Amino acid sequence: MTAAIIANLEKMLGGPRDGALLRYSLGNELLKAGDAAAAAVRFREAVERDAHYSAGWKMLGKALAETGDLSGAVTAYEQGIDVAEKRGDVQAAKEMSVFARRARKALAGDTDAAS
């Protein structure tokens, strides 16, 4: 099912409905399909189209972390936290703070970073 959804979303790229939400949705489906690198590209495109998209920053961080780019994930989370706090999106800021802290611990070599 995910492959069909991905194909349908990809057909919409470049069309009148192309925007941050489409790129975000495509990134989510790619992440579900196990392609974190491709998902990161789409999430990055989403936040380039709407830099105030808290959920886009959160998922970009997640996708980057899944590719092993922990430094990139921390950067995405930090940008997302800033955006979320400015928008009053307290829950998203809290979640990204936790994810950023885990990524920083992993970068430092802490074996308990995933917990």
Protein backbone atom coordinates (compact mmCIF):
# COMPACT_ATOMS: atom_id res chain seq x y z
CA MET A 1 0.00 0.00 0.00
CA THR A 2 2.79 2.45 0.89
CA ALA A 3 4.39 2.04 -2.55
CA ALA A 4 1.12 3.04 -4.22
CA ILE A 5 0.74 6.03 -1.93
CA ILE A 6 4.33 7.10 -2.65
CA ALA A 7 3.71 6.81 -6.40
CA ASN A 8 0.52 8.87 -6.15
CA LEU A 9 2.20 11.57 -4.07
CA GLU A 10 5.18 11.71 -6.43
CA LYS A 11 2.79 12.30 -9.36
CA MET A 12 1.61 15.46 -7.61
CA LEU A 13 5.11 16.96 -7.31
CA GLY A 14 5.44 20.09 -9.39
CA GLY A 15 1.67 20.45 -9.71
CA PRO A 16 -0.75 22.95 -8.22
CA ARG A 17 -0.94 21.05 -4.91
CA ASP A 18 2.82 20.89 -4.47
CA GLY A 19 3.92 22.46 -1.23
CA ALA A 20 5.18 21.81 2.25
CA LEU A 21 2.31 19.47 3.17
CA LEU A 22 2.76 17.31 0.06
CA ARG A 23 6.52 17.04 0.65
CA TYR A 24 5.90 16.25 4.32
CA SER A 25 3.34 13.56 3.43
CA LEU A 26 5.71 12.01 0.90
CA GLY A 27 8.51 12.05 3.48
CA ASN A 28 6.27 10.24 5.97
CA GLU A 29 5.44 7.52 3.47
CA LEU A 30 9.09 7.11 2.49
CA LEU A 31 10.03 6.81 6.16
CA LYS A 32 7.34 4.14 6.65
CA ALA A 33 8.79 2.31 3.65
CA GLY A 34 12.24 2.31 5.28
CA ASP A 35 13.89 4.88 3.00
CA ALA A 36 15.08 7.41 5.58
CA ALA A 37 17.51 9.11 3.18
CA ALA A 38 14.80 9.85 0.60
CA ALA A 39 12.45 10.87 3.40
CA ALA A 40 15.03 13.36 4.70
CA VAL A 41 15.20 14.95 1.25
CA ARG A 42 11.43 15.43 1.18
CA PHE A 43 11.27 16.74 4.75
CA ARG A 44 14.05 19.21 3.94
CA GLU A 45 12.05 20.35 0.91
CA ALA A 46 8.99 20.78 3.17
CA VAL A 47 10.80 23.08 5.59
CA GLU A 48 12.39 24.98 2.70
CA ARG A 49 8.85 25.70 1.46
CA ASP A 50 7.59 26.55 4.96
CA ALA A 51 10.33 27.31 7.47
CA HIS A 52 7.66 27.60 10.22
CA TYR A 53 6.50 23.98 9.85
CA SER A 54 7.28 22.47 13.27
CA ALA A 55 6.26 18.95 12.29
CA GLY A 56 8.48 19.14 9.22
CA TRP A 57 11.51 19.98 11.34
CA LYS A 58 10.71 17.17 13.78
CA MET A 59 10.43 14.58 11.03
CA LEU A 60 13.54 15.90 9.27
CA GLY A 61 15.44 15.33 12.49
CA LYS A 62 14.01 11.84 12.83
CA ALA A 63 14.86 10.89 9.23
CA LEU A 64 18.41 12.25 9.57
CA ALA A 65 18.87 10.33 12.82
CA GLU A 66 17.71 7.15 11.10
CA THR A 67 20.29 7.67 8.35
CA GLY A 68 22.99 8.01 11.01
CA ASP A 69 23.44 11.77 10.52
CA LEU A 70 23.09 12.60 14.21
CA SER A 71 24.74 15.98 13.85
CA GLY A 72 22.29 16.93 11.11
CA ALA A 73 19.45 15.61 13.25
CA VAL A 74 20.49 17.81 16.19
CA THR A 75 20.64 20.84 13.89
CA ALA A 76 17.17 20.08 12.50
CA TYR A 77 15.74 19.58 15.99
CA GLU A 78 17.30 22.82 17.22
CA GLN A 79 15.80 24.75 14.32
CA GLY A 80 12.48 23.02 14.93
CA ILE A 81 12.55 23.85 18.63
CA ASP A 82 13.12 27.52 17.79
CA VAL A 83 10.23 27.51 15.30
CA ALA A 84 7.91 25.64 17.66
CA GLU A 85 8.63 27.94 20.58
CA LYS A 86 7.99 31.04 18.46
CA ARG A 87 4.67 29.57 17.31
CA GLY A 88 3.63 28.46 20.79
CA ASP A 89 3.78 24.79 19.80
CA VAL A 90 4.90 23.66 23.24
CA GLN A 91 4.41 19.92 22.72
CA ALA A 92 6.48 19.83 19.52
CA ALA A 93 9.26 21.82 21.21
CA LYS A 94 9.30 19.39 24.15
CA GLU A 95 9.41 16.35 21.88
CA MET A 96 12.22 17.76 19.77
CA SER A 97 14.16 18.70 22.91
CA VAL A 98 14.04 15.08 24.04
CA PHE A 99 15.08 13.79 20.59
CA ALA A 100 17.90 16.36 20.35
CA ARG A 101 19.20 15.38 23.79
CA ARG A 102 19.22 11.69 22.78
CA ALA A 103 21.05 12.48 19.55
CA ARG A 104 23.65 14.58 21.41
CA LYS A 105 24.22 11.70 23.85
CA ALA A 106 24.64 9.29 20.95
CA LEU A 107 27.13 11.66 19.33
CA ALA A 108 29.06 11.76 22.60
CA GLY A 109 29.18 7.95 22.63
CA ASP A 110 26.67 7.41 25.42
CA THR A 111 25.41 3.84 25.15
CA ASP A 112 22.15 4.79 26.91
CA ALA A 113 21.26 7.43 24.29
CA ALA A 114 18.37 5.43 22.89
CA SER A 115 16.56 5.22 26.21
